[in-house]
Amino acid sequence: MLPTVIQAGIANLEGQNFTSLDACPSCGGALAGYDTKQRFFITLAEPGGDRDIFVFVRRFRCRACNMVSPAVAPFYPDTRIGAPIVDLCVTLSQEINSSHAAKIINALGIVIDRGTVRNYASRAFATPQATEFFGFLLPVSIISLTMFTPGSFQPGPVTGTEMFTPTGRPATGRAFPHRLPLEERNNRDEQEKKEKRPLE
């Protein structure tokens, strides 16, 4: 039952739009719309085959300093999968090795390899808030997704990260502006567009 519930919550994110950012995170300046970027969230293993889940994140250009920043969205900086999945990697790796953690995550219907789990578990992320759920210690950010069933989101923008407010975690994205130089950011964006699916 647990894999079904978690998969349903993640699948329900597909195509959601994150469009909220109050001010430039660098200087506090006023923002103007820049573009909307499709972001890979995670791959689910479904009976009919693997299914890539993507969301859309609006980006804004600061009228004062010209920095381009993403809307508040469920991603950590410099990661290629959704923050709740990163939290899952970190939480499980606190008790077991990366190989075992990857097997458990795969059993939940989430496609990930042990190298990716090891990568995120070894980075300096804050320890996610976690609680026991169906006998497993899971991050609250993953559990919060289980509260949503298919169809509970309506098409259209998700303002900020309201879907994650029950988690008790800071709104992911507000502290995570992309502060790379504009040219480097654009080059990285072009490279990511060429990838069928982000590789870890």
N, C-alpha and C. Protein backbone atom coordinates (compact mmCIF):
# COMPACT_ATOMS: atom_id res chain seq x y z
N MET A 1 0.82 -1.21 0.00
CA MET A 1 0.00 0.00 0.00
C MET A 1 0.86 1.27 0.00
N LEU A 2 1.97 1.26 0.75
CA LEU A 2 2.81 2.45 0.84
C LEU A 2 3.33 2.90 -0.52
N PRO A 3 3.87 1.99 -1.37
CA PRO A 3 4.32 2.45 -2.69
C PRO A 3 3.21 3.10 -3.50
N THR A 4 2.01 2.53 -3.43
CA THR A 4 0.88 3.08 -4.20
C THR A 4 0.55 4.49 -3.75
N VAL A 5 0.52 4.69 -2.44
CA VAL A 5 0.17 6.01 -1.89
C VAL A 5 1.22 7.04 -2.26
N ILE A 6 2.49 6.68 -2.11
CA ILE A 6 3.57 7.62 -2.41
C ILE A 6 3.61 7.93 -3.91
N GLN A 7 3.47 6.90 -4.73
CA GLN A 7 3.47 7.13 -6.18
C GLN A 7 2.32 8.05 -6.60
N ALA A 8 1.15 7.84 -6.00
CA ALA A 8 0.01 8.68 -6.36
C ALA A 8 0.27 10.14 -6.03
N GLY A 9 0.88 10.39 -4.86
CA GLY A 9 1.18 11.77 -4.47
C GLY A 9 2.17 12.42 -5.41
N ILE A 10 3.23 11.68 -5.77
CA ILE A 10 4.24 12.22 -6.68
C ILE A 10 3.66 12.44 -8.07
N ALA A 11 2.91 11.45 -8.55
CA ALA A 11 2.34 11.56 -9.90
C ALA A 11 1.41 12.76 -10.01
N ASN A 12 0.79 13.12 -8.91
CA ASN A 12 -0.15 14.23 -8.94
C ASN A 12 0.54 15.58 -9.09
N LEU A 13 1.86 15.60 -8.95
CA LEU A 13 2.63 16.84 -9.19
C LEU A 13 2.83 17.10 -10.67
N GLU A 14 2.67 16.08 -11.49
CA GLU A 14 3.01 16.22 -12.91
C GLU A 14 2.29 17.40 -13.56
N GLY A 15 3.09 18.26 -14.20
CA GLY A 15 2.54 19.39 -14.92
C GLY A 15 2.16 20.58 -14.06
N GLN A 16 2.39 20.52 -12.76
CA GLN A 16 2.04 21.65 -11.91
C GLN A 16 2.98 22.83 -12.16
N ASN A 17 2.43 24.04 -12.00
CA ASN A 17 3.19 25.27 -12.26
C ASN A 17 3.50 25.98 -10.96
N PHE A 18 4.77 26.27 -10.74
CA PHE A 18 5.21 27.03 -9.58
C PHE A 18 5.53 28.44 -10.06
N THR A 19 4.81 29.43 -9.57
CA THR A 19 4.85 30.76 -10.19
C THR A 19 5.07 31.91 -9.21
N SER A 20 5.36 31.62 -7.95
CA SER A 20 5.39 32.68 -6.96
C SER A 20 6.81 33.03 -6.51
N LEU A 21 7.14 34.30 -6.58
CA LEU A 21 8.37 34.85 -6.01
C LEU A 21 8.10 36.33 -5.73
N ASP A 22 8.19 36.74 -4.47
CA ASP A 22 7.77 38.08 -4.07
C ASP A 22 8.74 39.18 -4.50
N ALA A 23 10.04 38.89 -4.38
CA ALA A 23 11.05 39.92 -4.67
C ALA A 23 12.35 39.23 -5.02
N CYS A 24 13.28 39.97 -5.57
CA CYS A 24 14.58 39.42 -5.92
C CYS A 24 15.28 38.91 -4.66
N PRO A 25 15.71 37.65 -4.63
CA PRO A 25 16.36 37.13 -3.43
C PRO A 25 17.76 37.70 -3.21
N SER A 26 18.30 38.38 -4.23
CA SER A 26 19.63 38.96 -4.10
C SER A 26 19.59 40.38 -3.54
N CYS A 27 18.72 41.22 -4.13
CA CYS A 27 18.71 42.62 -3.73
C CYS A 27 17.36 43.11 -3.24
N GLY A 28 16.34 42.28 -3.34
CA GLY A 28 15.01 42.69 -2.91
C GLY A 28 14.26 43.51 -3.93
N GLY A 29 14.81 43.60 -5.13
CA GLY A 29 14.20 44.44 -6.16
C GLY A 29 12.93 43.84 -6.75
N ALA A 30 12.22 44.68 -7.51
CA ALA A 30 10.99 44.25 -8.18
C ALA A 30 11.34 43.30 -9.32
N LEU A 31 10.40 42.41 -9.61
CA LEU A 31 10.64 41.37 -10.60
C LEU A 31 9.77 41.53 -11.83
N ALA A 32 10.29 41.04 -12.94
CA ALA A 32 9.51 40.94 -14.18
C ALA A 32 9.61 39.51 -14.65
N GLY A 33 8.54 39.00 -15.25
CA GLY A 33 8.56 37.64 -15.76
C GLY A 33 9.66 37.45 -16.79
N TYR A 34 10.31 36.30 -16.75
CA TYR A 34 11.41 36.01 -17.67
C TYR A 34 11.06 34.85 -18.59
N ASP A 35 10.82 33.67 -18.02
CA ASP A 35 10.37 32.52 -18.80
C ASP A 35 9.84 31.46 -17.84
N THR A 36 9.43 30.33 -18.38
CA THR A 36 9.00 29.20 -17.58
C THR A 36 9.81 28.00 -18.00
N LYS A 37 10.38 27.31 -17.03
CA LYS A 37 11.27 26.20 -17.31
C LYS A 37 10.65 24.90 -16.83
N GLN A 38 10.70 23.90 -17.69
CA GLN A 38 10.27 22.56 -17.29
C GLN A 38 11.39 21.92 -16.48
N ARG A 39 11.04 21.37 -15.31
CA ARG A 39 12.05 20.74 -14.47
C ARG A 39 11.67 19.30 -14.18
N PHE A 40 12.65 18.44 -14.31
CA PHE A 40 12.48 17.04 -13.99
C PHE A 40 12.35 16.89 -12.47
N PHE A 41 11.38 16.10 -12.03
CA PHE A 41 11.17 15.88 -10.60
C PHE A 41 11.69 14.51 -10.17
N ILE A 42 11.23 13.45 -10.84
CA ILE A 42 11.72 12.10 -10.57
C ILE A 42 11.06 11.16 -11.58
N THR A 43 11.58 9.95 -11.68
CA THR A 43 10.98 8.91 -12.52
C THR A 43 10.28 7.89 -11.63
N LEU A 44 9.06 7.56 -12.00
CA LEU A 44 8.30 6.53 -11.29
C LEU A 44 8.30 5.25 -12.11
N ALA A 45 8.40 4.12 -11.42
CA ALA A 45 8.30 2.81 -12.07
C ALA A 45 6.83 2.39 -12.00
N GLU A 46 6.18 2.38 -13.15
CA GLU A 46 4.77 2.02 -13.20
C GLU A 46 4.61 0.72 -13.98
N PRO A 47 3.47 0.04 -13.83
CA PRO A 47 3.28 -1.24 -14.52
C PRO A 47 3.52 -1.16 -16.03
N GLY A 48 3.17 -0.04 -16.64
CA GLY A 48 3.35 0.10 -18.08
C GLY A 48 4.73 0.57 -18.48
N GLY A 49 5.59 0.83 -17.53
CA GLY A 49 6.94 1.32 -17.82
C GLY A 49 7.28 2.54 -16.99
N ASP A 50 8.50 3.01 -17.09
CA ASP A 50 8.95 4.17 -16.33
C ASP A 50 8.25 5.44 -16.83
N ARG A 51 7.96 6.31 -15.89
CA ARG A 51 7.26 7.56 -16.21
C ARG A 51 8.00 8.74 -15.58
N ASP A 52 8.50 9.63 -16.41
CA ASP A 52 9.18 10.83 -15.92
C ASP A 52 8.16 11.86 -15.48
N ILE A 53 8.36 12.40 -14.30
CA ILE A 53 7.49 13.44 -13.76
C ILE A 53 8.19 14.79 -13.89
N PHE A 54 7.51 15.72 -14.55
CA PHE A 54 8.05 17.07 -14.73
C PHE A 54 7.09 18.09 -14.14
N VAL A 55 7.64 19.18 -13.63
CA VAL A 55 6.85 20.32 -13.19
C VAL A 55 7.37 21.55 -13.94
N PHE A 56 6.66 22.65 -13.81
CA PHE A 56 7.06 23.89 -14.47
C PHE A 56 7.36 24.96 -13.42
N VAL A 57 8.49 25.62 -13.57
CA VAL A 57 8.91 26.65 -12.62
C VAL A 57 9.12 27.95 -13.38
N ARG A 58 8.37 28.96 -13.01
CA ARG A 58 8.53 30.26 -13.65
C ARG A 58 9.81 30.92 -13.15
N ARG A 59 10.46 31.66 -14.03
CA ARG A 59 11.65 32.41 -13.63
C ARG A 59 11.41 33.90 -13.85
N PHE A 60 12.10 34.69 -13.04
CA PHE A 60 11.91 36.14 -13.04
C PHE A 60 13.27 36.83 -13.16
N ARG A 61 13.25 38.00 -13.83
CA ARG A 61 14.45 38.84 -13.90
C ARG A 61 14.24 40.06 -13.00
N CYS A 62 15.25 40.35 -12.18
CA CYS A 62 15.17 41.51 -11.30
C CYS A 62 15.34 42.79 -12.12
N ARG A 63 14.45 43.75 -11.90
CA ARG A 63 14.53 45.02 -12.62
C ARG A 63 15.73 45.85 -12.16
N ALA A 64 16.24 45.56 -10.95
CA ALA A 64 17.34 46.34 -10.40
C ALA A 64 18.71 45.75 -10.74
N CYS A 65 18.89 44.44 -10.46
CA CYS A 65 20.23 43.84 -10.63
C CYS A 65 20.30 42.85 -11.80
N ASN A 66 19.18 42.61 -12.46
CA ASN A 66 19.12 41.72 -13.62
C ASN A 66 19.33 40.24 -13.31
N MET A 67 19.41 39.86 -12.04
CA MET A 67 19.56 38.45 -11.72
C MET A 67 18.29 37.70 -12.08
N VAL A 68 18.45 36.51 -12.66
CA VAL A 68 17.31 35.65 -12.98
C VAL A 68 17.16 34.62 -11.86
N SER A 69 15.96 34.54 -11.29
CA SER A 69 15.71 33.66 -10.16
C SER A 69 14.44 32.85 -10.39
N PRO A 70 14.41 31.61 -9.89
CA PRO A 70 13.21 30.79 -10.05
C PRO A 70 12.17 31.12 -9.00
N ALA A 71 10.93 30.78 -9.31
CA ALA A 71 9.87 30.87 -8.31
C ALA A 71 10.14 29.88 -7.19
N VAL A 72 9.46 30.07 -6.08
CA VAL A 72 9.55 29.12 -4.97
C VAL A 72 9.07 27.76 -5.48
N ALA A 73 9.90 26.75 -5.36
CA ALA A 73 9.57 25.43 -5.90
C ALA A 73 10.28 24.36 -5.07
N PRO A 74 9.80 23.12 -5.13
CA PRO A 74 10.35 22.06 -4.27
C PRO A 74 11.65 21.46 -4.80
N PHE A 75 12.69 22.29 -4.87
CA PHE A 75 14.00 21.83 -5.30
C PHE A 75 15.07 22.46 -4.42
N TYR A 76 16.10 21.68 -4.11
CA TYR A 76 17.29 22.23 -3.47
C TYR A 76 18.19 22.80 -4.56
N PRO A 77 19.12 23.69 -4.19
CA PRO A 77 20.01 24.25 -5.22
C PRO A 77 20.94 23.18 -5.77
N ASP A 78 21.20 23.27 -7.06
CA ASP A 78 22.16 22.38 -7.72
C ASP A 78 21.80 20.91 -7.56
N THR A 79 20.52 20.61 -7.61
CA THR A 79 20.06 19.22 -7.61
C THR A 79 19.19 19.01 -8.83
N ARG A 80 19.05 17.77 -9.24
CA ARG A 80 18.31 17.47 -10.46
C ARG A 80 17.07 16.65 -10.20
N ILE A 81 16.73 16.47 -8.94
CA ILE A 81 15.48 15.79 -8.60
C ILE A 81 14.78 16.60 -7.52
N GLY A 82 13.51 16.30 -7.29
CA GLY A 82 12.72 17.06 -6.33
C GLY A 82 13.23 16.94 -4.90
N ALA A 83 13.05 18.01 -4.13
CA ALA A 83 13.53 18.05 -2.75
C ALA A 83 12.99 16.91 -1.88
N PRO A 84 11.70 16.52 -2.01
CA PRO A 84 11.24 15.42 -1.17
C PRO A 84 11.99 14.11 -1.45
N ILE A 85 12.44 13.90 -2.69
CA ILE A 85 13.19 12.69 -3.01
C ILE A 85 14.59 12.78 -2.41
N VAL A 86 15.18 13.97 -2.47
CA VAL A 86 16.48 14.18 -1.82
C VAL A 86 16.35 13.92 -0.33
N ASP A 87 15.28 14.44 0.27
CA ASP A 87 15.04 14.20 1.70
C ASP A 87 14.96 12.71 2.00
N LEU A 88 14.32 11.96 1.10
CA LEU A 88 14.19 10.52 1.29
C LEU A 88 15.55 9.85 1.26
N CYS A 89 16.40 10.25 0.32
CA CYS A 89 17.76 9.71 0.25
C CYS A 89 18.53 9.97 1.53
N VAL A 90 18.44 11.21 2.02
CA VAL A 90 19.18 11.60 3.22
C VAL A 90 18.65 10.87 4.45
N THR A 91 17.34 10.81 4.58
CA THR A 91 16.73 10.18 5.77
C THR A 91 17.08 8.70 5.85
N LEU A 92 16.91 7.97 4.76
CA LEU A 92 17.18 6.54 4.78
C LEU A 92 18.67 6.26 4.99
N SER A 93 19.53 7.10 4.44
CA SER A 93 20.97 6.87 4.53
C SER A 93 21.53 7.14 5.92
N GLN A 94 20.74 7.72 6.78
CA GLN A 94 21.19 7.93 8.15
C GLN A 94 21.22 6.62 8.93
N GLU A 95 20.44 5.64 8.47
CA GLU A 95 20.34 4.38 9.19
C GLU A 95 20.93 3.19 8.43
N ILE A 96 20.96 3.27 7.11
CA ILE A 96 21.42 2.15 6.29
C ILE A 96 22.35 2.66 5.20
N ASN A 97 23.05 1.74 4.51
CA ASN A 97 23.96 2.18 3.46
C ASN A 97 23.20 2.57 2.20
N SER A 98 23.91 3.20 1.28
CA SER A 98 23.28 3.74 0.08
C SER A 98 22.65 2.67 -0.79
N SER A 99 23.28 1.51 -0.87
CA SER A 99 22.74 0.43 -1.69
C SER A 99 21.39 -0.04 -1.16
N HIS A 100 21.32 -0.24 0.14
CA HIS A 100 20.07 -0.68 0.76
C HIS A 100 19.01 0.42 0.64
N ALA A 101 19.42 1.67 0.85
CA ALA A 101 18.48 2.79 0.73
C ALA A 101 17.91 2.85 -0.68
N ALA A 102 18.77 2.66 -1.70
CA ALA A 102 18.30 2.69 -3.09
C ALA A 102 17.30 1.57 -3.35
N LYS A 103 17.53 0.39 -2.78
CA LYS A 103 16.60 -0.73 -2.97
C LYS A 103 15.24 -0.41 -2.36
N ILE A 104 15.25 0.22 -1.19
CA ILE A 104 13.98 0.59 -0.55
C ILE A 104 13.25 1.64 -1.39
N ILE A 105 13.98 2.64 -1.88
CA ILE A 105 13.37 3.69 -2.69
C ILE A 105 12.81 3.09 -3.98
N ASN A 106 13.56 2.17 -4.59
CA ASN A 106 13.05 1.48 -5.79
C ASN A 106 11.79 0.69 -5.48
N ALA A 107 11.76 0.06 -4.28
CA ALA A 107 10.57 -0.71 -3.89
C ALA A 107 9.35 0.19 -3.70
N LEU A 108 9.60 1.47 -3.43
CA LEU A 108 8.51 2.44 -3.32
C LEU A 108 8.03 2.91 -4.69
N GLY A 109 8.66 2.40 -5.75
CA GLY A 109 8.25 2.77 -7.10
C GLY A 109 8.94 4.00 -7.63
N ILE A 110 10.04 4.40 -6.98
CA ILE A 110 10.81 5.57 -7.40
C ILE A 110 12.12 5.08 -8.00
N VAL A 111 12.39 5.47 -9.24
CA VAL A 111 13.58 5.00 -9.95
C VAL A 111 14.78 5.85 -9.54
N ILE A 112 15.74 5.20 -8.91
CA ILE A 112 16.95 5.90 -8.47
C ILE A 112 18.05 4.87 -8.29
N ASP A 113 19.29 5.25 -8.48
CA ASP A 113 20.39 4.31 -8.30
C ASP A 113 21.18 4.64 -7.04
N ARG A 114 22.00 3.70 -6.61
CA ARG A 114 22.71 3.89 -5.34
C ARG A 114 23.71 5.04 -5.39
N GLY A 115 24.28 5.29 -6.60
CA GLY A 115 25.20 6.41 -6.72
C GLY A 115 24.52 7.74 -6.45
N THR A 116 23.29 7.88 -6.95
CA THR A 116 22.53 9.10 -6.72
C THR A 116 22.19 9.25 -5.24
N VAL A 117 21.77 8.15 -4.62
CA VAL A 117 21.47 8.19 -3.18
C VAL A 117 22.72 8.59 -2.41
N ARG A 118 23.84 7.98 -2.74
CA ARG A 118 25.10 8.29 -2.04
C ARG A 118 25.48 9.75 -2.24
N ASN A 119 25.30 10.25 -3.45
CA ASN A 119 25.63 11.63 -3.76
C ASN A 119 24.87 12.60 -2.87
N TYR A 120 23.55 12.42 -2.81
CA TYR A 120 22.75 13.36 -2.03
C TYR A 120 22.92 13.13 -0.52
N ALA A 121 23.12 11.89 -0.11
CA ALA A 121 23.30 11.61 1.31
C ALA A 121 24.60 12.21 1.84
N SER A 122 25.59 12.37 0.97
CA SER A 122 26.90 12.86 1.41
C SER A 122 27.04 14.38 1.35
N ARG A 123 26.03 15.04 0.77
CA ARG A 123 26.11 16.49 0.65
C ARG A 123 25.57 17.17 1.90
N ALA A 124 25.87 18.45 2.01
CA ALA A 124 25.58 19.18 3.25
C ALA A 124 24.15 19.70 3.29
N PHE A 125 23.17 18.80 3.17
CA PHE A 125 21.78 19.18 3.34
C PHE A 125 21.42 19.10 4.82
N ALA A 126 20.54 19.98 5.26
CA ALA A 126 20.05 19.89 6.63
C ALA A 126 19.28 18.59 6.80
N THR A 127 19.34 18.02 8.00
CA THR A 127 18.62 16.78 8.26
C THR A 127 17.12 17.03 8.14
N PRO A 128 16.45 16.30 7.25
CA PRO A 128 15.01 16.53 7.06
C PRO A 128 14.21 16.12 8.29
N GLN A 129 13.12 16.81 8.52
CA GLN A 129 12.18 16.39 9.55
C GLN A 129 11.58 15.07 9.10
N ALA A 130 11.55 14.08 9.99
CA ALA A 130 11.07 12.75 9.62
C ALA A 130 10.17 12.19 10.71
N THR A 131 9.35 11.24 10.31
CA THR A 131 8.45 10.57 11.24
C THR A 131 8.17 9.17 10.75
N GLU A 132 7.69 8.30 11.64
CA GLU A 132 7.39 6.93 11.23
C GLU A 132 6.07 6.90 10.47
N PHE A 133 6.09 6.17 9.37
CA PHE A 133 4.91 6.09 8.51
C PHE A 133 4.87 4.68 7.94
N PHE A 134 3.83 3.92 8.24
CA PHE A 134 3.72 2.53 7.81
C PHE A 134 4.95 1.72 8.21
N GLY A 135 5.50 2.03 9.38
CA GLY A 135 6.64 1.27 9.88
C GLY A 135 7.99 1.72 9.38
N PHE A 136 8.02 2.76 8.52
CA PHE A 136 9.28 3.29 8.00
C PHE A 136 9.49 4.69 8.54
N LEU A 137 10.76 5.05 8.77
CA LEU A 137 11.08 6.43 9.09
C LEU A 137 11.22 7.17 7.76
N LEU A 138 10.29 8.07 7.49
CA LEU A 138 10.26 8.78 6.22
C LEU A 138 10.26 10.28 6.45
N PRO A 139 10.83 11.04 5.50
CA PRO A 139 10.79 12.50 5.64
C PRO A 139 9.35 13.01 5.54
N VAL A 140 9.06 14.03 6.30
CA VAL A 140 7.71 14.59 6.30
C VAL A 140 7.35 15.14 4.92
N SER A 141 8.35 15.60 4.17
CA SER A 141 8.07 16.14 2.83
C SER A 141 7.50 15.08 1.90
N ILE A 142 7.95 13.84 2.04
CA ILE A 142 7.39 12.75 1.23
C ILE A 142 6.00 12.39 1.74
N ILE A 143 5.86 12.31 3.04
CA ILE A 143 4.57 11.94 3.63
C ILE A 143 3.49 12.95 3.23
N SER A 144 3.87 14.22 3.18
CA SER A 144 2.88 15.26 2.83
C SER A 144 2.29 15.02 1.45
N LEU A 145 3.09 14.45 0.55
CA LEU A 145 2.59 14.19 -0.80
C LEU A 145 1.49 13.13 -0.79
N THR A 146 1.50 12.26 0.20
CA THR A 146 0.50 11.19 0.25
C THR A 146 -0.88 11.73 0.61
N MET A 147 -0.96 12.97 1.08
CA MET A 147 -2.26 13.55 1.43
C MET A 147 -3.03 13.96 0.20
N PHE A 148 -2.36 13.95 -0.95
CA PHE A 148 -3.00 14.36 -2.18
C PHE A 148 -3.22 13.16 -3.07
N THR A 149 -4.43 12.98 -3.52
CA THR A 149 -4.76 11.89 -4.41
C THR A 149 -4.90 12.42 -5.83
N PRO A 150 -4.82 11.56 -6.83
CA PRO A 150 -4.98 12.04 -8.21
C PRO A 150 -6.25 12.86 -8.37
N GLY A 151 -6.10 14.04 -8.96
CA GLY A 151 -7.24 14.91 -9.17
C GLY A 151 -7.42 15.95 -8.08
N SER A 152 -6.64 15.84 -6.97
CA SER A 152 -6.82 16.82 -5.89
C SER A 152 -6.23 18.16 -6.26
N PHE A 153 -5.25 18.17 -7.20
CA PHE A 153 -4.75 19.42 -7.74
C PHE A 153 -5.57 19.75 -8.98
N GLN A 154 -5.88 20.98 -9.14
CA GLN A 154 -6.57 21.42 -10.35
C GLN A 154 -5.52 22.00 -11.30
N PRO A 155 -5.76 21.88 -12.61
CA PRO A 155 -4.82 22.48 -13.55
C PRO A 155 -4.64 23.97 -13.26
N GLY A 156 -3.43 24.44 -13.44
CA GLY A 156 -3.15 25.85 -13.20
C GLY A 156 -1.99 26.02 -12.26
N PRO A 157 -1.67 27.25 -11.90
CA PRO A 157 -0.47 27.51 -11.12
C PRO A 157 -0.60 27.09 -9.67
N VAL A 158 0.52 26.63 -9.14
CA VAL A 158 0.64 26.39 -7.70
C VAL A 158 1.42 27.57 -7.16
N THR A 159 0.81 28.35 -6.30
CA THR A 159 1.47 29.54 -5.77
C THR A 159 2.43 29.13 -4.68
N GLY A 160 3.73 29.24 -4.96
CA GLY A 160 4.72 28.84 -3.99
C GLY A 160 4.70 27.34 -3.78
N THR A 161 4.78 26.90 -2.54
CA THR A 161 4.81 25.48 -2.24
C THR A 161 3.75 25.15 -1.20
N GLU A 162 2.52 25.60 -1.40
CA GLU A 162 1.46 25.34 -0.44
C GLU A 162 1.27 23.85 -0.17
N MET A 163 1.51 23.03 -1.20
CA MET A 163 1.29 21.60 -1.02
C MET A 163 2.23 21.01 0.01
N PHE A 164 3.33 21.71 0.32
CA PHE A 164 4.29 21.18 1.27
C PHE A 164 4.20 21.85 2.63
N THR A 165 3.24 22.74 2.83
CA THR A 165 3.18 23.46 4.10
C THR A 165 2.97 22.56 5.31
N PRO A 166 2.33 21.39 5.19
CA PRO A 166 2.22 20.54 6.38
C PRO A 166 3.54 19.92 6.81
N THR A 167 4.59 20.05 6.03
CA THR A 167 5.83 19.36 6.33
C THR A 167 6.61 20.01 7.46
N GLY A 168 6.40 21.29 7.70
CA GLY A 168 7.20 21.97 8.71
C GLY A 168 8.57 22.36 8.21
N ARG A 169 8.84 22.16 6.92
CA ARG A 169 10.12 22.53 6.34
C ARG A 169 10.02 23.94 5.77
N PRO A 170 11.17 24.61 5.68
CA PRO A 170 11.13 25.92 5.03
C PRO A 170 10.64 25.77 3.61
N ALA A 171 10.00 26.80 3.09
CA ALA A 171 9.53 26.76 1.70
C ALA A 171 10.73 26.59 0.80
N THR A 172 10.82 25.46 0.13
CA THR A 172 11.97 25.21 -0.71
C THR A 172 11.95 26.15 -1.89
N GLY A 173 13.10 26.70 -2.20
CA GLY A 173 13.19 27.58 -3.35
C GLY A 173 13.48 29.01 -2.95
N ARG A 174 12.89 29.50 -1.85
CA ARG A 174 13.13 30.89 -1.48
C ARG A 174 14.60 31.14 -1.18
N ALA A 175 15.23 30.16 -0.58
CA ALA A 175 16.64 30.34 -0.24
C ALA A 175 17.54 29.80 -1.33
N PHE A 176 16.96 29.41 -2.48
CA PHE A 176 17.74 28.72 -3.47
C PHE A 176 17.77 29.43 -4.82
N PRO A 177 18.05 30.73 -4.88
CA PRO A 177 18.14 31.37 -6.19
C PRO A 177 19.37 30.87 -6.92
N HIS A 178 19.30 30.84 -8.25
CA HIS A 178 20.46 30.48 -9.04
C HIS A 178 21.29 31.74 -9.25
N ARG A 179 22.43 31.83 -8.57
CA ARG A 179 23.22 33.05 -8.59
C ARG A 179 24.38 32.97 -9.57
N LEU A 180 24.33 32.04 -10.52
CA LEU A 180 25.38 31.97 -11.52
C LEU A 180 25.30 33.19 -12.43
N PRO A 181 26.42 33.56 -13.02
CA PRO A 181 26.38 34.65 -14.01
C PRO A 181 25.38 34.29 -15.09
N LEU A 182 24.74 35.32 -15.67
CA LEU A 182 23.68 35.11 -16.64
C LEU A 182 24.13 34.23 -17.79
N GLU A 183 25.32 34.47 -18.35
CA GLU A 183 25.78 33.68 -19.48
C GLU A 183 25.95 32.21 -19.10
N GLU A 184 26.50 31.95 -17.90
CA GLU A 184 26.70 30.57 -17.45
C GLU A 184 25.36 29.90 -17.20
N ARG A 185 24.40 30.65 -16.64
CA ARG A 185 23.08 30.09 -16.41
C ARG A 185 22.43 29.68 -17.73
N ASN A 186 22.53 30.58 -18.73
CA ASN A 186 21.93 30.29 -20.01
C ASN A 186 22.58 29.08 -20.68
N ASN A 187 23.91 28.96 -20.57
CA ASN A 187 24.61 27.81 -21.13
C ASN A 187 24.17 26.53 -20.46
N ARG A 188 24.00 26.57 -19.13
CA ARG A 188 23.57 25.38 -18.41
C ARG A 188 22.14 25.02 -18.80
N ASP A 189 21.29 26.01 -18.99
CA ASP A 189 19.92 25.75 -19.41
C ASP A 189 19.89 25.06 -20.76
N GLU A 190 20.72 25.53 -21.69
CA GLU A 190 20.75 24.92 -23.01
C GLU A 190 21.22 23.48 -22.94
N GLN A 191 22.23 23.21 -22.08
CA GLN A 191 22.72 21.85 -21.93
C GLN A 191 21.64 20.93 -21.37
N GLU A 192 20.89 21.43 -20.38
CA GLU A 192 19.84 20.62 -19.77
C GLU A 192 18.73 20.31 -20.77
N LYS A 193 18.45 21.24 -21.69
CA LYS A 193 17.42 21.01 -22.69
C LYS A 193 17.80 19.87 -23.63
N LYS A 194 19.11 19.67 -23.82
CA LYS A 194 19.57 18.63 -24.73
C LYS A 194 19.47 17.24 -24.10
N GLU A 195 19.36 17.19 -22.79
CA GLU A 195 19.30 15.90 -22.10
C GLU A 195 17.88 15.38 -22.13
N LYS A 196 17.73 14.12 -22.47
CA LYS A 196 16.39 13.52 -22.44
C LYS A 196 15.88 13.48 -21.03
N ARG A 197 16.77 13.09 -20.11
CA ARG A 197 16.44 13.04 -18.71
C ARG A 197 17.70 13.35 -17.95
N PRO A 198 17.65 14.17 -16.92
CA PRO A 198 18.86 14.51 -16.19
C PRO A 198 19.54 13.27 -15.64
N LEU A 199 20.86 13.26 -15.76
CA LEU A 199 21.65 12.17 -15.22
C LEU A 199 22.32 12.63 -13.95
N GLU A 200 22.49 11.74 -13.01
CA GLU A 200 23.12 12.10 -11.74
C GLU A 200 24.63 11.91 -11.85
